[in-house]
């Protein structure tokens, strides 16, 4: 069956403008253009749009989607299986959070008691699952399966005090970097303090004895090269990923 822009947009729950934009950037083009100028989409385009929208729901950027589906070896069935795995992970995360919130409400209403550790279980599981989704493959390729498992184990076993400390460190590091960037000097006191706190933060997740200056520098380079890591620091200030990398180079050279 063939679809015009209007019909396909209505069926897929997107705007006509979105479909036109996808055509403009070469992400999804119509099968043909009719004599009266209407874009016409066929079955193949409908299937491809479904794939694109699933990727979008999973938070994949358009540029990344375009490179994936344009790859010579793109396998739609394999991609859908990957989507299913990711969606099941999201489902498990949401279900865990729902249980945690429901239990908290029951505690607040005096029905049951909840330990401090239990209050953090949902949050820790959420962070582990988000890290797996965003960085799991890259980190495994660089550091190996055992390192990832150990990091997840240490995160899952954090006490409320340790959880609060790692969050405190994250906020302090971001604040120090924002101030340090105003000096344009990665060797300044604030930048080097951020590096010191970052090493403490890493040691909360890495297996004891595995931290080294070389590993710290290698990770800092990944913050620059990998767009997902880079995005976290660019939220602080544009150029922060490179600035932090340079600051860590100085810190680790001492």
C-alpha atoms as a PDB file:
ATOM      1  CA  UNK A   1       0.000   0.000   0.000  1.00  0.00           C
ATOM      2  CA  UNK A   2       1.186   3.504  -0.832  1.00  0.00           C
ATOM      3  CA  UNK A   3       0.944   6.508   1.470  1.00  0.00           C
ATOM      4  CA  UNK A   4       1.100  10.241   0.958  1.00  0.00           C
ATOM      5  CA  UNK A   5       2.955  12.407   3.480  1.00  0.00           C
ATOM      6  CA  UNK A   6      -0.306  13.225   5.262  1.00  0.00           C
ATOM      7  CA  UNK A   7      -1.474   9.613   5.499  1.00  0.00           C
ATOM      8  CA  UNK A   8       1.876   8.289   6.651  1.00  0.00           C
ATOM      9  CA  UNK A   9       2.294  11.072   9.198  1.00  0.00           C
ATOM     10  CA  UNK A  10      -1.128  10.369  10.674  1.00  0.00           C
ATOM     11  CA  UNK A  11      -0.553   6.615  10.817  1.00  0.00           C
ATOM     12  CA  UNK A  12       2.910   6.927  12.395  1.00  0.00           C
ATOM     13  CA  UNK A  13       1.952   9.695  14.818  1.00  0.00           C
ATOM     14  CA  UNK A  14       4.479  12.201  13.509  1.00  0.00           C
ATOM     15  CA  UNK A  15       4.087  15.547  11.780  1.00  0.00           C
ATOM     16  CA  UNK A  16       4.275  16.082   8.032  1.00  0.00           C
ATOM     17  CA  UNK A  17       7.087  18.508   8.740  1.00  0.00           C
ATOM     18  CA  UNK A  18       9.054  15.694  10.378  1.00  0.00           C
ATOM     19  CA  UNK A  19       8.741  13.486   7.293  1.00  0.00           C
ATOM     20  CA  UNK A  20       9.811  16.327   5.032  1.00  0.00           C
ATOM     21  CA  UNK A  21      12.779  17.011   7.276  1.00  0.00           C
ATOM     22  CA  UNK A  22      13.789  13.334   7.194  1.00  0.00           C
ATOM     23  CA  UNK A  23      13.693  13.561   3.402  1.00  0.00           C
ATOM     24  CA  UNK A  24      15.796  16.740   3.388  1.00  0.00           C
ATOM     25  CA  UNK A  25      18.576  15.191   5.474  1.00  0.00           C
ATOM     26  CA  UNK A  26      18.549  11.916   3.528  1.00  0.00           C
ATOM     27  CA  UNK A  27      17.216   9.829   6.378  1.00  0.00           C
ATOM     28  CA  UNK A  28      13.926   8.739   4.819  1.00  0.00           C
ATOM     29  CA  UNK A  29      13.069   9.576   1.218  1.00  0.00           C
ATOM     30  CA  UNK A  30       9.774   8.722  -0.519  1.00  0.00           C
ATOM     31  CA  UNK A  31       9.654   5.827  -2.959  1.00  0.00           C
ATOM     32  CA  UNK A  32       8.632   8.252  -5.694  1.00  0.00           C
ATOM     33  CA  UNK A  33       7.066  11.622  -6.376  1.00  0.00           C
ATOM     34  CA  UNK A  34       3.755  11.554  -8.230  1.00  0.00           C
ATOM     35  CA  UNK A  35       3.013  13.637 -11.329  1.00  0.00           C
ATOM     36  CA  UNK A  36       1.133  16.155  -9.226  1.00  0.00           C
ATOM     37  CA  UNK A  37       4.130  16.553  -6.883  1.00  0.00           C
ATOM     38  CA  UNK A  38       3.001  14.381  -3.962  1.00  0.00           C
ATOM     39  CA  UNK A  39       5.594  12.341  -2.077  1.00  0.00           C
ATOM     40  CA  UNK A  40       4.569   8.681  -2.102  1.00  0.00           C
ATOM     41  CA  UNK A  41       5.853   6.137   0.436  1.00  0.00           C
ATOM     42  CA  UNK A  42       5.708   2.354   0.009  1.00  0.00           C
ATOM     43  CA  UNK A  43       6.071  -0.651   2.302  1.00  0.00           C
ATOM     44  CA  UNK A  44       9.861  -0.407   2.482  1.00  0.00           C
ATOM     45  CA  UNK A  45       9.677   3.225   3.593  1.00  0.00           C
ATOM     46  CA  UNK A  46       7.027   2.415   6.211  1.00  0.00           C
ATOM     47  CA  UNK A  47       9.272  -0.308   7.658  1.00  0.00           C
ATOM     48  CA  UNK A  48      12.246   2.043   7.666  1.00  0.00           C
ATOM     49  CA  UNK A  49      10.233   4.771   9.407  1.00  0.00           C
ATOM     50  CA  UNK A  50       9.280   2.287  12.110  1.00  0.00           C
ATOM     51  CA  UNK A  51      12.975   1.543  12.628  1.00  0.00           C
ATOM     52  CA  UNK A  52      13.853   5.236  12.791  1.00  0.00           C
ATOM     53  CA  UNK A  53      11.135   6.000  15.335  1.00  0.00           C
ATOM     54  CA  UNK A  54      12.242   3.125  17.558  1.00  0.00           C
ATOM     55  CA  UNK A  55      15.802   4.467  17.497  1.00  0.00           C
ATOM     56  CA  UNK A  56      14.467   7.917  18.373  1.00  0.00           C
ATOM     57  CA  UNK A  57      12.532   6.496  21.329  1.00  0.00           C
ATOM     58  CA  UNK A  58      15.792   4.981  22.552  1.00  0.00           C
ATOM     59  CA  UNK A  59      17.446   8.397  22.361  1.00  0.00           C
ATOM     60  CA  UNK A  60      19.734   7.761  19.378  1.00  0.00           C
ATOM     61  CA  UNK A  61      20.674  11.025  17.534  1.00  0.00           C
ATOM     62  CA  UNK A  62      19.479  11.415  13.947  1.00  0.00           C
ATOM     63  CA  UNK A  63      23.015  11.521  12.562  1.00  0.00           C
ATOM     64  CA  UNK A  64      23.807   8.233  14.275  1.00  0.00           C
ATOM     65  CA  UNK A  65      20.581   6.682  12.972  1.00  0.00           C
ATOM     66  CA  UNK A  66      21.448   7.712   9.446  1.00  0.00           C
ATOM     67  CA  UNK A  67      24.887   6.112   9.645  1.00  0.00           C
ATOM     68  CA  UNK A  68      23.405   2.902  11.087  1.00  0.00           C
ATOM     69  CA  UNK A  69      20.702   2.366   8.498  1.00  0.00           C
ATOM     70  CA  UNK A  70      22.978   3.418   5.630  1.00  0.00           C
ATOM     71  CA  UNK A  71      25.613   0.828   6.551  1.00  0.00           C
ATOM     72  CA  UNK A  72      26.011  -1.881   3.863  1.00  0.00           C
ATOM     73  CA  UNK A  73      25.525  -4.690   6.367  1.00  0.00           C
ATOM     74  CA  UNK A  74      22.461  -3.202   8.089  1.00  0.00           C
ATOM     75  CA  UNK A  75      20.220  -6.049   9.261  1.00  0.00           C
ATOM     76  CA  UNK A  76      16.743  -4.864  10.210  1.00  0.00           C
ATOM     77  CA  UNK A  77      15.854  -8.088  12.063  1.00  0.00           C
ATOM     78  CA  UNK A  78      19.068  -7.937  14.102  1.00  0.00           C
ATOM     79  CA  UNK A  79      18.447  -4.264  14.837  1.00  0.00           C
ATOM     80  CA  UNK A  80      14.940  -5.047  16.073  1.00  0.00           C
ATOM     81  CA  UNK A  81      16.329  -7.720  18.385  1.00  0.00           C
ATOM     82  CA  UNK A  82      18.724  -5.129  19.822  1.00  0.00           C
ATOM     83  CA  UNK A  83      15.782  -2.744  20.251  1.00  0.00           C
ATOM     84  CA  UNK A  84      13.847  -5.445  22.084  1.00  0.00           C
ATOM     85  CA  UNK A  85      16.747  -6.027  24.469  1.00  0.00           C
ATOM     86  CA  UNK A  86      17.005  -2.297  25.157  1.00  0.00           C
ATOM     87  CA  UNK A  87      13.258  -1.948  25.655  1.00  0.00           C
ATOM     88  CA  UNK A  88      13.182  -4.876  28.062  1.00  0.00           C
ATOM     89  CA  UNK A  89      15.986  -3.209  30.023  1.00  0.00           C
ATOM     90  CA  UNK A  90      13.956  -0.003  30.153  1.00  0.00           C
ATOM     91  CA  UNK A  91      10.906  -1.980  31.233  1.00  0.00           C
ATOM     92  CA  UNK A  92      12.864  -3.617  34.063  1.00  0.00           C
ATOM     93  CA  UNK A  93      14.206  -0.229  35.156  1.00  0.00           C
ATOM     94  CA  UNK A  94      10.737   1.351  35.183  1.00  0.00           C
ATOM     95  CA  UNK A  95       9.240  -1.606  37.034  1.00  0.00           C
ATOM     96  CA  UNK A  96      12.003  -1.368  39.651  1.00  0.00           C
ATOM     97  CA  UNK A  97      11.381   2.351  40.113  1.00  0.00           C
ATOM     98  CA  UNK A  98       7.624   1.813  40.336  1.00  0.00           C
ATOM     99  CA  UNK A  99       8.117  -0.776  43.087  1.00  0.00           C
ATOM    100  CA  UNK A 100      10.480   1.553  44.905  1.00  0.00           C
ATOM    101  CA  UNK A 101       8.032   4.485  44.749  1.00  0.00           C
ATOM    102  CA  UNK A 102       5.080   2.304  45.771  1.00  0.00           C
ATOM    103  CA  UNK A 103       7.031   0.975  48.733  1.00  0.00           C
ATOM    104  CA  UNK A 104       8.093   4.505  49.720  1.00  0.00           C
ATOM    105  CA  UNK A 105       4.453   5.657  49.654  1.00  0.00           C
ATOM    106  CA  UNK A 106       3.476   2.739  51.890  1.00  0.00           C
ATOM    107  CA  UNK A 107       6.278   3.699  54.280  1.00  0.00           C
ATOM    108  CA  UNK A 108       5.109   7.327  54.360  1.00  0.00           C
ATOM    109  CA  UNK A 109       1.559   6.178  55.077  1.00  0.00           C
ATOM    110  CA  UNK A 110       2.769   3.990  57.938  1.00  0.00           C
ATOM    111  CA  UNK A 111       1.917   0.641  56.362  1.00  0.00           C
ATOM    112  CA  UNK A 112       5.462  -0.781  56.299  1.00  0.00           C
ATOM    113  CA  UNK A 113       9.044   0.097  57.239  1.00  0.00           C
ATOM    114  CA  UNK A 114      11.856   0.665  54.733  1.00  0.00           C
ATOM    115  CA  UNK A 115      15.554   0.618  55.533  1.00  0.00           C
ATOM    116  CA  UNK A 116      17.884   3.318  54.273  1.00  0.00           C
ATOM    117  CA  UNK A 117      19.495   0.762  51.968  1.00  0.00           C
ATOM    118  CA  UNK A 118      16.164  -0.139  50.374  1.00  0.00           C
ATOM    119  CA  UNK A 119      15.432   3.513  49.592  1.00  0.00           C
ATOM    120  CA  UNK A 120      18.450   3.619  47.313  1.00  0.00           C
ATOM    121  CA  UNK A 121      17.998   0.297  45.551  1.00  0.00           C
ATOM    122  CA  UNK A 122      15.813   1.702  42.759  1.00  0.00           C
ATOM    123  CA  UNK A 123      18.164   4.632  42.185  1.00  0.00           C
ATOM    124  CA  UNK A 124      21.235   2.407  42.020  1.00  0.00           C
ATOM    125  CA  UNK A 125      19.580  -0.008  39.616  1.00  0.00           C
ATOM    126  CA  UNK A 126      18.504   2.908  37.429  1.00  0.00           C
ATOM    127  CA  UNK A 127      22.054   4.250  37.229  1.00  0.00           C
ATOM    128  CA  UNK A 128      23.510   0.835  36.419  1.00  0.00           C
ATOM    129  CA  UNK A 129      20.987   0.288  33.630  1.00  0.00           C
ATOM    130  CA  UNK A 130      21.518   3.754  32.194  1.00  0.00           C
ATOM    131  CA  UNK A 131      25.285   3.241  32.193  1.00  0.00           C
ATOM    132  CA  UNK A 132      24.871  -0.116  30.485  1.00  0.00           C
ATOM    133  CA  UNK A 133      22.660   1.405  27.814  1.00  0.00           C
ATOM    134  CA  UNK A 134      24.859   4.416  27.094  1.00  0.00           C
ATOM    135  CA  UNK A 135      28.388   3.144  27.656  1.00  0.00           C
ATOM    136  CA  UNK A 136      28.302  -0.622  28.161  1.00  0.00           C
ATOM    137  CA  UNK A 137      29.669  -1.721  24.789  1.00  0.00           C
ATOM    138  CA  UNK A 138      32.453   0.864  24.596  1.00  0.00           C
ATOM    139  CA  UNK A 139      33.617   0.307  28.180  1.00  0.00           C
ATOM    140  CA  UNK A 140      33.681  -3.477  27.685  1.00  0.00           C
ATOM    141  CA  UNK A 141      35.749  -3.104  24.519  1.00  0.00           C
ATOM    142  CA  UNK A 142      38.252  -0.890  26.325  1.00  0.00           C
ATOM    143  CA  UNK A 143      38.420  -2.420  29.818  1.00  0.00           C
ATOM    144  CA  UNK A 144      36.875  -5.883  29.523  1.00  0.00           C
ATOM    145  CA  UNK A 145      33.844  -7.682  30.923  1.00  0.00           C
ATOM    146  CA  UNK A 146      35.335  -8.265  34.384  1.00  0.00           C
ATOM    147  CA  UNK A 147      35.990  -4.547  34.919  1.00  0.00           C
ATOM    148  CA  UNK A 148      32.402  -3.680  34.022  1.00  0.00           C
ATOM    149  CA  UNK A 149      30.974  -6.364  36.299  1.00  0.00           C
ATOM    150  CA  UNK A 150      33.158  -5.193  39.178  1.00  0.00           C
ATOM    151  CA  UNK A 151      32.093  -1.579  38.696  1.00  0.00           C
ATOM    152  CA  UNK A 152      28.409  -2.562  38.637  1.00  0.00           C
ATOM    153  CA  UNK A 153      28.908  -4.750  41.719  1.00  0.00           C
ATOM    154  CA  UNK A 154      30.525  -1.912  43.641  1.00  0.00           C
ATOM    155  CA  UNK A 155      27.768   0.507  42.621  1.00  0.00           C
ATOM    156  CA  UNK A 156      25.013  -1.936  43.591  1.00  0.00           C
ATOM    157  CA  UNK A 157      26.669  -2.484  46.974  1.00  0.00           C
ATOM    158  CA  UNK A 158      27.048   1.182  47.903  1.00  0.00           C
ATOM    159  CA  UNK A 159      25.729   2.247  51.271  1.00  0.00           C
ATOM    160  CA  UNK A 160      23.557   5.384  51.494  1.00  0.00           C
ATOM    161  CA  UNK A 161      26.609   7.269  52.738  1.00  0.00           C
ATOM    162  CA  UNK A 162      28.757   6.117  49.809  1.00  0.00           C
ATOM    163  CA  UNK A 163      25.970   6.957  47.357  1.00  0.00           C
ATOM    164  CA  UNK A 164      25.687  10.446  48.819  1.00  0.00           C
ATOM    165  CA  UNK A 165      29.472  10.876  48.607  1.00  0.00           C
ATOM    166  CA  UNK A 166      29.695   9.963  44.934  1.00  0.00           C
ATOM    167  CA  UNK A 167      26.869  12.382  44.144  1.00  0.00           C
ATOM    168  CA  UNK A 168      28.588  15.085  46.197  1.00  0.00           C
ATOM    169  CA  UNK A 169      31.827  14.470  44.296  1.00  0.00           C
ATOM    170  CA  UNK A 170      30.049  14.727  40.944  1.00  0.00           C
ATOM    171  CA  UNK A 171      28.531  18.101  41.861  1.00  0.00           C
ATOM    172  CA  UNK A 172      31.813  19.434  43.242  1.00  0.00           C
ATOM    173  CA  UNK A 173      33.737  18.360  40.142  1.00  0.00           C
ATOM    174  CA  UNK A 174      31.238  20.093  37.851  1.00  0.00           C
ATOM    175  CA  UNK A 175      31.349  23.287  39.908  1.00  0.00           C
ATOM    176  CA  UNK A 176      35.142  23.357  40.015  1.00  0.00           C
ATOM    177  CA  UNK A 177      35.406  22.778  36.277  1.00  0.00           C
ATOM    178  CA  UNK A 178      32.944  25.567  35.507  1.00  0.00           C
ATOM    179  CA  UNK A 179      34.990  28.010  37.585  1.00  0.00           C
ATOM    180  CA  UNK A 180      38.310  26.728  36.286  1.00  0.00           C
ATOM    181  CA  UNK A 181      37.296  27.223  32.664  1.00  0.00           C
ATOM    182  CA  UNK A 182      36.930  30.943  33.337  1.00  0.00           C
ATOM    183  CA  UNK A 183      40.705  31.055  33.886  1.00  0.00           C
ATOM    184  CA  UNK A 184      41.391  29.159  30.649  1.00  0.00           C
ATOM    185  CA  UNK A 185      44.144  27.368  32.581  1.00  0.00           C
ATOM    186  CA  UNK A 186      43.789  23.578  33.044  1.00  0.00           C
ATOM    187  CA  UNK A 187      46.649  23.753  35.533  1.00  0.00           C
ATOM    188  CA  UNK A 188      44.879  26.175  37.868  1.00  0.00           C
ATOM    189  CA  UNK A 189      44.028  25.242  41.459  1.00  0.00           C
ATOM    190  CA  UNK A 190      40.318  24.626  40.775  1.00  0.00           C
ATOM    191  CA  UNK A 191      41.014  22.407  37.769  1.00  0.00           C
ATOM    192  CA  UNK A 192      43.567  20.329  39.626  1.00  0.00           C
ATOM    193  CA  UNK A 193      41.247  19.961  42.620  1.00  0.00           C
ATOM    194  CA  UNK A 194      38.564  18.701  40.218  1.00  0.00           C
ATOM    195  CA  UNK A 195      41.036  16.085  38.974  1.00  0.00           C
ATOM    196  CA  UNK A 196      41.848  15.031  42.540  1.00  0.00           C
ATOM    197  CA  UNK A 197      38.168  14.596  43.372  1.00  0.00           C
ATOM    198  CA  UNK A 198      37.637  12.777  40.081  1.00  0.00           C
ATOM    199  CA  UNK A 199      40.296  10.238  41.039  1.00  0.00           C
ATOM    200  CA  UNK A 200      38.463   9.684  44.343  1.00  0.00           C
ATOM    201  CA  UNK A 201      35.181   9.284  42.452  1.00  0.00           C
ATOM    202  CA  UNK A 202      36.728   6.725  40.086  1.00  0.00           C
ATOM    203  CA  UNK A 203      38.077   4.687  42.973  1.00  0.00           C
ATOM    204  CA  UNK A 204      34.537   4.324  44.297  1.00  0.00           C
ATOM    205  CA  UNK A 205      33.658   2.367  41.135  1.00  0.00           C
ATOM    206  CA  UNK A 206      36.920   0.708  40.094  1.00  0.00           C
ATOM    207  CA  UNK A 207      38.269  -2.449  41.668  1.00  0.00           C
ATOM    208  CA  UNK A 208      40.700  -1.613  44.498  1.00  0.00           C
ATOM    209  CA  UNK A 209      44.260  -1.361  43.229  1.00  0.00           C
ATOM    210  CA  UNK A 210      43.330  -0.812  39.573  1.00  0.00           C
ATOM    211  CA  UNK A 211      43.466   2.985  39.585  1.00  0.00           C
ATOM    212  CA  UNK A 212      46.569   4.424  37.953  1.00  0.00           C
ATOM    213  CA  UNK A 213      47.554   7.752  36.417  1.00  0.00           C
ATOM    214  CA  UNK A 214      47.790   6.064  33.015  1.00  0.00           C
ATOM    215  CA  UNK A 215      44.256   4.650  33.300  1.00  0.00           C
ATOM    216  CA  UNK A 216      42.993   8.049  34.452  1.00  0.00           C
ATOM    217  CA  UNK A 217      44.510   9.755  31.414  1.00  0.00           C
ATOM    218  CA  UNK A 218      43.159   7.083  29.084  1.00  0.00           C
ATOM    219  CA  UNK A 219      39.656   7.588  30.447  1.00  0.00           C
ATOM    220  CA  UNK A 220      39.965  11.359  30.048  1.00  0.00           C
ATOM    221  CA  UNK A 221      40.796  10.869  26.375  1.00  0.00           C
ATOM    222  CA  UNK A 222      37.658   8.763  26.006  1.00  0.00           C
ATOM    223  CA  UNK A 223      35.660  11.677  27.436  1.00  0.00           C
ATOM    224  CA  UNK A 224      36.792  13.672  24.394  1.00  0.00           C
ATOM    225  CA  UNK A 225      36.599  11.009  21.699  1.00  0.00           C
ATOM    226  CA  UNK A 226      33.274   9.364  22.563  1.00  0.00           C
ATOM    227  CA  UNK A 227      30.307  11.648  21.940  1.00  0.00           C
ATOM    228  CA  UNK A 228      28.226  10.172  24.773  1.00  0.00           C
ATOM    229  CA  UNK A 229      30.926  10.776  27.386  1.00  0.00           C
ATOM    230  CA  UNK A 230      31.728  14.127  25.794  1.00  0.00           C
ATOM    231  CA  UNK A 231      28.093  15.246  26.055  1.00  0.00           C
ATOM    232  CA  UNK A 232      28.154  14.907  29.857  1.00  0.00           C
ATOM    233  CA  UNK A 233      30.942  17.460  30.194  1.00  0.00           C
ATOM    234  CA  UNK A 234      29.760  19.748  27.412  1.00  0.00           C
ATOM    235  CA  UNK A 235      26.635  20.306  29.540  1.00  0.00           C
ATOM    236  CA  UNK A 236      28.868  22.071  32.076  1.00  0.00           C
ATOM    237  CA  UNK A 237      30.354  24.412  29.478  1.00  0.00           C
ATOM    238  CA  UNK A 238      31.223  24.095  25.780  1.00  0.00           C
ATOM    239  CA  UNK A 239      34.771  22.815  25.465  1.00  0.00           C
ATOM    240  CA  UNK A 240      34.747  21.291  28.948  1.00  0.00           C
ATOM    241  CA  UNK A 241      35.637  17.778  27.744  1.00  0.00           C
ATOM    242  CA  UNK A 242      38.934  18.964  26.202  1.00  0.00           C
ATOM    243  CA  UNK A 243      39.644  21.256  29.148  1.00  0.00           C
ATOM    244  CA  UNK A 244      39.139  18.436  31.646  1.00  0.00           C
ATOM    245  CA  UNK A 245      41.277  16.089  29.527  1.00  0.00           C
ATOM    246  CA  UNK A 246      44.096  18.650  29.535  1.00  0.00           C
ATOM    247  CA  UNK A 247      43.712  19.192  33.290  1.00  0.00           C
ATOM    248  CA  UNK A 248      43.904  15.438  33.934  1.00  0.00           C
ATOM    249  CA  UNK A 249      47.013  15.214  31.740  1.00  0.00           C
ATOM    250  CA  UNK A 250      48.664  17.780  34.003  1.00  0.00           C
ATOM    251  CA  UNK A 251      47.411  16.112  37.187  1.00  0.00           C
ATOM    252  CA  UNK A 252      48.612  12.670  36.089  1.00  0.00           C
ATOM    253  CA  UNK A 253      52.011  13.985  35.008  1.00  0.00           C
ATOM    254  CA  UNK A 254      52.841  15.128  38.524  1.00  0.00           C
END
